[in-house]
Amino acid sequence: MNYLSIGIALLVIVSIIVAYRSGLSLGRTAKQEKEDKEQDAAYLREILSRDRQLHDQQNKNDSLNNLNDRYLSFMLKIPTIVQRLNTTLKYEEITKSVVQIVSDIIPTKKVELYILDITDNLLRKVSSPGEDQKGQVICKIGEGLVGTAAQHRMIKLREHFNKVNTNVMNNQQDDSELWMAVPINFKDRLLGVIGIGKVKNPIGNEIDLMKMIADIAGVALINQAMLGEAKEKANTDSLTGLNNRNYLFHMAQNFVEQAFREGSPISIFLFDIDNFKHYNDTNGHDEGDKLLKELSGLVRGVTRKSSVIVRYGGEEFIVMLPGITKENAFIYAERLRENISIYPFPHREKQPLGRVSISGGVASFPIDGSSIYKVIQLADMALYKAKAGGRNRVIMHESYHFSDADTGIDAPENVDKESADETKMVIENI
């Protein structure tokens, strides 16, 4: 019995020891599995973190590549842009090109161009092709995003503008769709403002690009203004402000082409001031110059804008009247002659006729002559007849069935042959 008890006791002890050791083993396995899981989770988090870092770095690389591509594209386009903007003299082509260049380089659906009108110091929006010309958008300096950019001569962003201008919704200037306004400056002179809408996927270089475009646009607009002024001077008589011969012959070509297309006439009224040499000799050349300027202003006042008024030489003038028949041109010429004869010019009482007066001749293309040069010659012949008939009158050229030699009227003694040859050479094909 004692041995049996001892055996049972040993068996129990061994079982306890085995169970204890099994428990220890199972505990160590669970702990290891837990540690392994935690370590696997840490590895996974690290992998995901590195993946996010790689993804972020790839996005940065893509943005930098996009930025470089845009800069490179712009830099490659600069020579073409400069040439495109500075080889045209037409204001409309320059403004259209500026808008197109911005659209090509900046990913935005809205581009607006405002040009400063120095006559009233207002910014006027340049209408896009097909846009309604009525109700032109006008912006005052200092109002809205565009006006503020113009006032400060600095680039303005919508978000910054709205923070400063809390009453922006009450502003009359409707430029709320614009995201950025960029002033066009040349040295200290404001020329206009470029406005753009929200940029799709901005990459941070839009301000730099717009600044470069605005600088190029400023140079182009200044060049256009300077060349336009030079062209105007080349076509303008410096004393009277009227057009000169160069402009007459240039416009004659255009009018002749239009006359052929439309079957319309071109009338020429050629006149000069009666006894102008006497006026100069009696009152002095300064007074003679004043008379020429005052008479030129009077002619402008009774002549439609589509006609061309030219100081042809000395005291001689030409009014070219496109689309006007000879008969109607004669009516116009008579009205002008009458207005001049009754106008209170200084020293008019000293003139041989007791007034300042003109004599002139009227002829038309193509009924009287096959070229403008021929029509001017015929108008000059009619002018000579008016002089021979007593001055202060206008004669309309009449076609003859016999030669001018049979009329008994000699050619004008005061014809400037050199000028006539020059005129013929310039418009021999008109």
Protein backbone atom coordinates (compact mmCIF):
# COMPACT_ATOMS: atom_id res chain seq x y z
CA MET A 1 0.00 0.00 0.00
CA ASN A 2 2.84 2.28 0.75
CA TYR A 3 4.45 1.58 -2.61
CA LEU A 4 1.21 2.25 -4.38
CA SER A 5 0.81 5.59 -2.64
CA ILE A 6 4.36 6.51 -3.42
CA GLY A 7 3.84 5.60 -7.10
CA ILE A 8 0.67 7.63 -7.37
CA ALA A 9 2.37 10.56 -5.72
CA LEU A 10 5.33 10.35 -8.15
CA LEU A 11 2.92 10.11 -11.07
CA VAL A 12 1.09 13.21 -9.91
CA ILE A 13 4.36 15.06 -9.45
CA VAL A 14 5.57 14.09 -12.92
CA SER A 15 2.22 15.15 -14.44
CA ILE A 16 2.42 18.47 -12.68
CA ILE A 17 5.98 18.99 -13.90
CA VAL A 18 5.00 18.03 -17.48
CA ALA A 19 1.94 20.25 -17.36
CA TYR A 20 3.98 23.14 -15.99
CA ARG A 21 6.60 22.77 -18.63
CA SER A 22 3.91 22.46 -21.34
CA GLY A 23 2.30 25.60 -20.00
CA LEU A 24 5.60 27.42 -20.10
CA SER A 25 6.13 26.28 -23.68
CA LEU A 26 2.67 27.35 -24.76
CA GLY A 27 3.13 30.74 -23.06
CA ARG A 28 6.41 31.32 -24.85
CA THR A 29 4.80 30.41 -28.24
CA ALA A 30 1.87 32.85 -27.82
CA LYS A 31 4.23 35.59 -26.74
CA GLN A 32 6.45 34.94 -29.74
CA GLU A 33 3.50 34.95 -32.08
CA LYS A 34 2.38 38.26 -30.58
CA GLU A 35 5.86 39.69 -30.95
CA ASP A 36 6.04 38.39 -34.51
CA LYS A 37 2.71 40.00 -35.37
CA GLU A 38 3.79 43.29 -33.86
CA GLN A 39 7.06 43.12 -35.79
CA ASP A 40 5.19 42.32 -39.04
CA ALA A 41 2.84 45.25 -38.43
CA ALA A 42 5.84 47.53 -37.86
CA TYR A 43 7.42 46.32 -41.11
CA LEU A 44 4.13 46.93 -42.96
CA ARG A 45 3.84 50.44 -41.54
CA GLU A 46 7.40 51.18 -42.60
CA ILE A 47 6.73 49.83 -46.10
CA LEU A 48 3.57 51.93 -46.42
CA SER A 49 5.40 55.00 -45.13
CA ARG A 50 8.20 54.51 -47.62
CA ASP A 51 5.63 53.97 -50.37
CA ARG A 52 3.95 57.25 -49.49
CA GLN A 53 7.32 58.98 -49.48
CA LEU A 54 8.11 57.53 -52.88
CA HIS A 55 4.69 58.60 -54.17
CA ASP A 56 5.14 62.10 -52.81
CA GLN A 57 8.60 62.30 -54.31
CA GLN A 58 7.23 61.13 -57.65
CA ASN A 59 4.57 63.86 -57.51
CA LYS A 60 7.26 66.44 -56.74
CA ASN A 61 9.33 65.15 -59.63
CA ASP A 62 6.32 65.31 -61.95
CA SER A 63 5.58 68.87 -60.82
CA LEU A 64 9.19 69.89 -61.37
CA ASN A 65 9.20 68.25 -64.78
CA ASN A 66 5.93 70.02 -65.63
CA LEU A 67 7.40 73.28 -64.38
CA ASN A 68 10.56 72.79 -66.43
CA ASP A 69 8.56 71.83 -69.49
CA ARG A 70 6.42 74.96 -69.19
CA TYR A 71 9.45 77.20 -68.68
CA LEU A 72 11.27 75.53 -71.56
CA SER A 73 8.22 75.84 -73.78
CA PHE A 74 7.91 79.53 -72.92
CA MET A 75 11.61 80.19 -73.42
CA LEU A 76 11.55 78.50 -76.82
CA LYS A 77 8.51 80.58 -77.77
CA ILE A 78 9.99 83.92 -76.67
CA PRO A 79 11.75 84.71 -80.00
CA THR A 80 8.58 83.90 -81.93
CA ILE A 81 6.43 85.84 -79.47
CA VAL A 82 8.68 88.91 -79.63
CA GLN A 83 8.80 88.77 -83.42
CA ARG A 84 5.05 88.23 -83.60
CA LEU A 85 4.30 91.19 -81.36
CA ASN A 86 6.84 93.61 -82.77
CA THR A 87 6.57 93.02 -86.52
CA THR A 88 2.95 94.15 -86.71
CA LEU A 89 1.96 97.81 -86.63
CA LYS A 90 -1.74 97.17 -86.11
CA TYR A 91 -3.00 97.67 -82.58
CA GLU A 92 -5.78 95.10 -83.02
CA GLU A 93 -3.30 92.39 -84.03
CA ILE A 94 -1.07 93.10 -81.03
CA THR A 95 -3.91 92.91 -78.49
CA LYS A 96 -5.25 89.76 -80.09
CA SER A 97 -1.78 88.17 -80.00
CA VAL A 98 -1.30 89.02 -76.31
CA VAL A 99 -4.53 87.26 -75.38
CA GLN A 100 -3.64 84.25 -77.54
CA ILE A 101 -0.13 83.98 -76.05
CA VAL A 102 -1.51 83.93 -72.51
CA SER A 103 -4.03 81.26 -73.50
CA ASP A 104 -1.27 79.14 -75.07
CA ILE A 105 1.01 79.25 -72.03
CA ILE A 106 -1.23 79.51 -68.96
CA PRO A 107 -3.80 76.69 -68.45
CA THR A 108 -6.84 78.92 -67.87
CA LYS A 109 -10.14 79.30 -69.68
CA LYS A 110 -10.47 83.06 -69.06
CA VAL A 111 -8.12 85.74 -70.35
CA GLU A 112 -9.04 89.44 -70.42
CA LEU A 113 -7.01 92.39 -71.66
CA TYR A 114 -7.63 95.98 -70.55
CA ILE A 115 -5.93 98.93 -72.24
CA LEU A 116 -5.57 102.33 -70.57
CA ASP A 117 -7.30 105.16 -72.43
CA ILE A 118 -5.25 108.24 -71.57
CA THR A 119 -8.02 110.59 -72.69
CA ASP A 120 -10.17 109.74 -69.67
CA ASN A 121 -7.78 107.55 -67.61
CA LEU A 122 -10.07 104.52 -67.85
CA LEU A 123 -9.21 100.89 -68.53
CA ARG A 124 -11.21 99.56 -71.47
CA LYS A 125 -11.56 95.84 -72.05
CA VAL A 126 -10.45 94.68 -75.47
CA SER A 127 -13.31 92.75 -77.04
CA SER A 128 -12.62 89.22 -78.22
CA PRO A 129 -13.58 88.16 -81.77
CA GLY A 130 -17.33 87.63 -81.93
CA GLU A 131 -17.92 89.35 -78.60
CA ASP A 132 -20.65 91.96 -78.40
CA GLN A 133 -19.11 95.38 -78.94
CA LYS A 134 -22.01 97.11 -77.19
CA GLY A 135 -21.69 97.89 -73.53
CA GLN A 136 -17.93 97.84 -73.49
CA VAL A 137 -16.48 96.87 -70.11
CA ILE A 138 -14.78 99.84 -68.47
CA CYS A 139 -12.74 99.73 -65.29
CA LYS A 140 -11.73 102.72 -63.19
CA ILE A 141 -8.26 102.93 -61.71
CA GLY A 142 -8.39 101.63 -58.13
CA GLU A 143 -11.66 99.68 -58.52
CA GLY A 144 -11.86 95.89 -58.51
CA LEU A 145 -8.97 93.49 -58.93
CA VAL A 146 -8.02 94.97 -62.32
CA GLY A 147 -8.21 98.58 -61.18
CA THR A 148 -6.22 97.86 -58.03
CA ALA A 149 -3.44 96.16 -59.99
CA ALA A 150 -3.35 99.20 -62.26
CA GLN A 151 -3.30 101.64 -59.33
CA HIS A 152 -0.48 99.90 -57.48
CA ARG A 153 1.37 98.79 -60.64
CA MET A 154 1.68 95.37 -59.01
CA ILE A 155 0.37 91.86 -59.63
CA LYS A 156 -2.75 91.18 -57.57
CA LEU A 157 -4.19 87.77 -56.63
CA ARG A 158 -7.88 87.29 -55.87
CA GLU A 159 -7.37 85.68 -52.46
CA HIS A 160 -5.19 88.53 -51.19
CA PHE A 161 -7.44 91.16 -52.76
CA ASN A 162 -10.58 89.75 -51.10
CA LYS A 163 -8.90 89.68 -47.67
CA VAL A 164 -8.04 93.37 -47.89
CA ASN A 165 -11.25 94.46 -49.63
CA THR A 166 -14.04 93.10 -47.48
CA ASN A 167 -16.64 95.12 -49.43
CA VAL A 168 -15.62 93.55 -52.73
CA MET A 169 -19.15 92.27 -53.37
CA ASN A 170 -20.45 95.85 -53.37
CA ASN A 171 -17.90 96.95 -55.95
CA GLN A 172 -19.35 97.94 -59.30
CA GLN A 173 -16.43 96.40 -61.19
CA ASP A 174 -17.45 92.88 -62.22
CA ASP A 175 -14.16 91.00 -62.41
CA SER A 176 -14.98 88.38 -59.79
CA GLU A 177 -14.11 85.54 -62.18
CA LEU A 178 -10.52 86.72 -62.46
CA TRP A 179 -7.90 85.03 -60.30
CA MET A 180 -4.95 87.25 -61.12
CA ALA A 181 -4.48 90.75 -62.55
CA VAL A 182 -1.11 91.71 -64.03
CA PRO A 183 -0.31 95.35 -64.94
CA ILE A 184 1.35 96.08 -68.28
CA ASN A 185 3.99 98.71 -67.60
CA PHE A 186 6.72 100.34 -69.63
CA LYS A 187 9.15 102.11 -67.31
CA ASP A 188 6.88 104.44 -65.28
CA ARG A 189 4.00 104.34 -67.73
CA LEU A 190 0.90 102.17 -67.24
CA LEU A 191 -0.39 100.72 -70.52
CA GLY A 192 -3.00 98.21 -69.41
CA VAL A 193 -3.79 95.11 -67.35
CA ILE A 194 -3.99 91.39 -68.18
CA GLY A 195 -6.54 89.40 -66.17
CA ILE A 196 -6.68 85.60 -66.03
CA GLY A 197 -9.15 83.18 -64.50
CA LYS A 198 -8.42 80.30 -62.15
CA VAL A 199 -5.47 78.21 -63.33
CA LYS A 200 -6.01 74.48 -63.66
CA ASN A 201 -3.44 72.59 -61.57
CA PRO A 202 -1.24 75.61 -60.73
CA ILE A 203 2.42 74.74 -60.24
CA GLY A 204 3.68 78.00 -58.80
CA ASN A 205 5.30 79.68 -61.79
CA GLU A 206 2.20 81.45 -63.13
CA ILE A 207 3.19 84.81 -61.65
CA ASP A 208 6.65 84.68 -63.23
CA LEU A 209 5.24 83.67 -66.61
CA MET A 210 2.57 86.37 -66.56
CA LYS A 211 5.15 88.98 -65.55
CA MET A 212 7.30 88.06 -68.56
CA ILE A 213 4.32 88.14 -70.91
CA ALA A 214 3.25 91.54 -69.56
CA ASP A 215 6.76 92.93 -70.05
CA ILE A 216 6.86 91.74 -73.66
CA ALA A 217 3.36 93.11 -74.27
CA GLY A 218 4.44 96.47 -72.85
CA VAL A 219 7.36 96.75 -75.27
CA ALA A 220 5.13 95.76 -78.20
CA LEU A 221 2.45 98.34 -77.32
CA ILE A 222 5.05 101.09 -76.90
CA ASN A 223 6.66 100.19 -80.21
CA GLN A 224 3.26 100.24 -81.89
CA ALA A 225 2.52 103.66 -80.42
CA MET A 226 5.90 105.08 -81.45
CA LEU A 227 5.74 103.61 -84.94
CA GLY A 228 2.16 104.80 -85.25
CA GLU A 229 3.25 108.32 -84.31
CA ALA A 230 6.12 108.17 -86.80
CA LYS A 231 3.76 106.94 -89.50
CA GLU A 232 1.30 109.70 -88.68
CA LYS A 233 4.06 112.31 -88.92
CA ALA A 234 5.14 110.89 -92.27
CA ASN A 235 1.57 111.27 -93.56
CA THR A 236 0.79 114.64 -91.96
CA ASP A 237 1.55 118.20 -92.95
CA SER A 238 3.37 119.72 -89.99
CA LEU A 239 1.85 123.20 -90.34
CA THR A 240 -1.84 122.50 -90.87
CA GLY A 241 -2.16 118.99 -89.41
CA LEU A 242 -3.85 117.86 -92.63
CA ASN A 243 -2.74 114.83 -94.58
CA ASN A 244 0.05 115.22 -97.11
CA ARG A 245 0.72 113.85 -100.61
CA ASN A 246 2.10 110.54 -99.31
CA TYR A 247 -1.17 109.79 -97.58
CA LEU A 248 -3.23 110.97 -100.57
CA PHE A 249 -1.56 108.51 -102.92
CA HIS A 250 -1.67 105.70 -100.39
CA MET A 251 -5.40 106.14 -99.85
CA ALA A 252 -6.03 106.68 -103.55
CA GLN A 253 -4.91 103.11 -104.20
CA ASN A 254 -7.36 101.76 -101.60
CA PHE A 255 -10.22 103.90 -102.88
CA VAL A 256 -9.63 102.91 -106.50
CA GLU A 257 -9.72 99.22 -105.58
CA GLN A 258 -12.95 99.83 -103.68
CA ALA A 259 -14.39 101.79 -106.61
CA PHE A 260 -13.76 98.86 -108.96
CA ARG A 261 -15.34 96.39 -106.54
CA GLU A 262 -18.42 98.48 -105.83
CA GLY A 263 -18.74 100.43 -109.05
CA SER A 264 -18.59 103.70 -107.09
CA PRO A 265 -16.99 107.02 -108.11
CA ILE A 266 -14.15 109.00 -106.54
CA SER A 267 -14.39 112.78 -106.83
CA ILE A 268 -11.49 115.21 -106.51
CA PHE A 269 -11.89 118.82 -105.40
CA LEU A 270 -8.68 120.75 -106.03
CA PHE A 271 -8.54 124.36 -104.81
CA ASP A 272 -6.15 127.07 -103.72
CA ILE A 273 -6.36 130.38 -101.86
CA ASP A 274 -6.88 133.36 -104.13
CA ASN A 275 -4.10 135.96 -104.05
CA PHE A 276 -2.25 134.18 -101.27
CA LYS A 277 1.06 135.77 -102.28
CA HIS A 278 -0.54 139.17 -101.79
CA TYR A 279 -1.72 138.10 -98.32
CA ASN A 280 1.80 137.00 -97.39
CA ASP A 281 3.48 140.10 -98.83
CA THR A 282 1.01 142.42 -97.09
CA ASN A 283 0.72 140.78 -93.68
CA GLY A 284 3.88 138.67 -93.33
CA HIS A 285 4.53 134.97 -93.57
CA ASP A 286 3.56 134.31 -89.95
CA GLU A 287 0.08 135.65 -90.68
CA GLY A 288 0.04 133.59 -93.86
CA ASP A 289 0.77 130.45 -91.83
CA LYS A 290 -2.03 131.34 -89.42
CA LEU A 291 -4.40 131.73 -92.37
CA LEU A 292 -3.45 128.29 -93.69
CA LYS A 293 -4.08 126.67 -90.30
CA GLU A 294 -7.39 128.47 -89.72
CA LEU A 295 -8.65 127.67 -93.20
CA SER A 296 -7.64 124.02 -92.74
CA GLY A 297 -9.75 123.84 -89.59
CA LEU A 298 -12.70 125.31 -91.47
CA VAL A 299 -12.36 122.67 -94.20
CA ARG A 300 -12.30 119.88 -91.59
CA GLY A 301 -15.48 121.21 -90.05
CA VAL A 302 -17.56 120.79 -93.22
CA THR A 303 -15.98 117.59 -94.56
CA ARG A 304 -17.03 114.05 -93.63
CA LYS A 305 -14.45 111.90 -91.89
CA SER A 306 -14.33 109.30 -94.65
CA SER A 307 -12.93 111.90 -97.07
CA VAL A 308 -9.24 112.72 -97.31
CA ILE A 309 -8.17 116.37 -96.91
CA VAL A 310 -4.67 117.10 -98.17
CA ARG A 311 -2.40 120.09 -98.24
CA TYR A 312 -1.13 119.44 -101.73
CA GLY A 313 1.51 122.15 -101.74
CA GLY A 314 1.83 125.78 -100.61
CA GLU A 315 -1.69 127.23 -100.59
CA GLU A 316 -3.09 124.37 -102.71
CA PHE A 317 -5.41 121.73 -101.25
CA ILE A 318 -7.15 118.54 -102.41
CA VAL A 319 -10.24 116.91 -100.93
CA MET A 320 -10.68 113.32 -102.15
CA LEU A 321 -14.31 112.23 -101.83
CA PRO A 322 -14.77 108.45 -102.22
CA GLY A 323 -18.25 107.28 -103.18
CA ILE A 324 -19.37 110.83 -104.10
CA THR A 325 -20.54 111.72 -107.61
CA LYS A 326 -19.11 114.72 -109.40
CA GLU A 327 -22.38 116.60 -109.08
CA ASN A 328 -22.56 116.08 -105.31
CA ALA A 329 -18.87 116.91 -105.00
CA PHE A 330 -19.56 120.19 -106.78
CA ILE A 331 -22.34 120.98 -104.28
CA TYR A 332 -19.93 120.28 -101.41
CA ALA A 333 -17.22 122.43 -103.04
CA GLU A 334 -19.59 125.36 -103.56
CA ARG A 335 -20.73 125.18 -99.94
CA LEU A 336 -17.11 125.18 -98.76
CA ARG A 337 -16.22 128.09 -101.05
CA GLU A 338 -19.14 130.11 -99.72
CA ASN A 339 -18.24 129.36 -96.08
CA ILE A 340 -14.67 130.51 -96.67
CA SER A 341 -15.71 133.66 -98.50
CA ILE A 342 -17.86 134.87 -95.59
CA TYR A 343 -15.55 133.71 -92.80
CA PRO A 344 -13.98 136.61 -90.82
CA PHE A 345 -10.33 135.79 -91.46
CA PRO A 346 -7.86 138.39 -90.16
CA HIS A 347 -6.77 141.02 -92.72
CA ARG A 348 -9.38 139.84 -95.24
CA GLU A 349 -10.28 143.44 -96.11
CA LYS A 350 -6.76 143.93 -97.50
CA GLN A 351 -7.24 141.24 -100.15
CA PRO A 352 -7.99 142.30 -103.77
CA LEU A 353 -11.50 140.83 -103.52
CA GLY A 354 -12.03 142.30 -100.05
CA ARG A 355 -12.19 138.79 -98.57
CA VAL A 356 -10.25 135.55 -98.31
CA SER A 357 -11.54 133.29 -101.06
CA ILE A 358 -10.71 130.12 -102.93
CA SER A 359 -10.95 128.93 -106.52
CA GLY A 360 -11.27 125.27 -107.39
CA GLY A 361 -12.04 122.55 -109.85
CA VAL A 362 -13.95 119.28 -109.55
CA ALA A 363 -13.45 116.07 -111.53
CA SER A 364 -14.29 112.40 -110.93
CA PHE A 365 -12.88 108.92 -111.44
CA PRO A 366 -13.58 107.00 -113.61
CA ILE A 367 -16.03 109.10 -115.63
CA ASP A 368 -13.51 111.90 -116.33
CA GLY A 369 -10.21 110.07 -116.17
CA SER A 370 -8.91 106.51 -116.10
CA SER A 371 -6.51 107.25 -113.21
CA ILE A 372 -6.40 109.47 -110.16
CA TYR A 373 -3.45 111.27 -111.69
CA LYS A 374 -5.53 112.14 -114.76
CA VAL A 375 -8.47 113.26 -112.59
CA ILE A 376 -6.19 115.57 -110.58
CA GLN A 377 -4.91 117.05 -113.85
CA LEU A 378 -8.46 117.68 -115.03
CA ALA A 379 -9.43 119.24 -111.68
CA ASP A 380 -6.35 121.46 -111.99
CA MET A 381 -7.48 122.54 -115.46
CA ALA A 382 -10.90 123.43 -114.04
CA LEU A 383 -9.18 125.36 -111.24
CA TYR A 384 -7.23 127.37 -113.83
CA LYS A 385 -10.49 128.22 -115.59
CA ALA A 386 -11.96 129.40 -112.27
CA LYS A 387 -8.94 131.66 -111.81
CA ALA A 388 -9.26 132.98 -115.35
CA GLY A 389 -12.96 133.59 -114.77
CA GLY A 390 -12.40 136.01 -111.89
CA ARG A 391 -11.58 133.79 -108.89
CA ASN A 392 -13.81 132.94 -105.89
CA ARG A 393 -15.60 130.24 -107.85
CA VAL A 394 -15.62 126.48 -108.48
CA ILE A 395 -15.82 124.91 -111.93
CA MET A 396 -16.83 121.34 -112.58
CA HIS A 397 -14.88 119.60 -115.32
CA GLU A 398 -16.94 118.83 -118.40
CA SER A 399 -15.94 116.17 -120.88
CA TYR A 400 -15.24 117.42 -124.39
CA HIS A 401 -15.50 115.75 -127.77
CA PHE A 402 -12.66 117.86 -129.09
CA SER A 403 -9.15 118.51 -127.84
CA ASP A 404 -8.33 120.95 -125.07
CA ALA A 405 -6.25 122.92 -127.59
CA ASP A 406 -9.47 123.80 -129.44
CA THR A 407 -10.98 125.40 -126.35
CA GLY A 408 -8.61 128.33 -126.53
CA ILE A 409 -7.51 127.83 -122.93
CA ASP A 410 -3.80 127.51 -122.29
CA ALA A 411 -2.29 125.11 -119.77
CA PRO A 412 -1.81 126.53 -116.27
CA GLU A 413 1.40 128.51 -115.92
CA ASN A 414 1.87 127.52 -112.28
CA VAL A 415 2.01 123.75 -112.83
CA ASP A 416 4.93 122.31 -110.88
CA LYS A 417 6.34 119.91 -113.46
CA GLU A 418 8.61 118.21 -110.97
CA SER A 419 5.68 117.61 -108.61
CA ALA A 420 3.52 116.45 -111.49
CA ASP A 421 6.18 113.96 -112.59
CA GLU A 422 6.50 112.72 -109.02
CA THR A 423 2.74 112.36 -108.72
CA LYS A 424 2.56 110.45 -111.97
CA MET A 425 5.32 108.11 -110.91
CA VAL A 426 3.68 107.36 -107.55
CA ILE A 427 0.19 106.65 -108.89
CA GLU A 428 0.86 105.66 -112.47
CA ASN A 429 -0.85 102.32 -111.82
CA ILE A 430 -3.85 103.76 -109.97
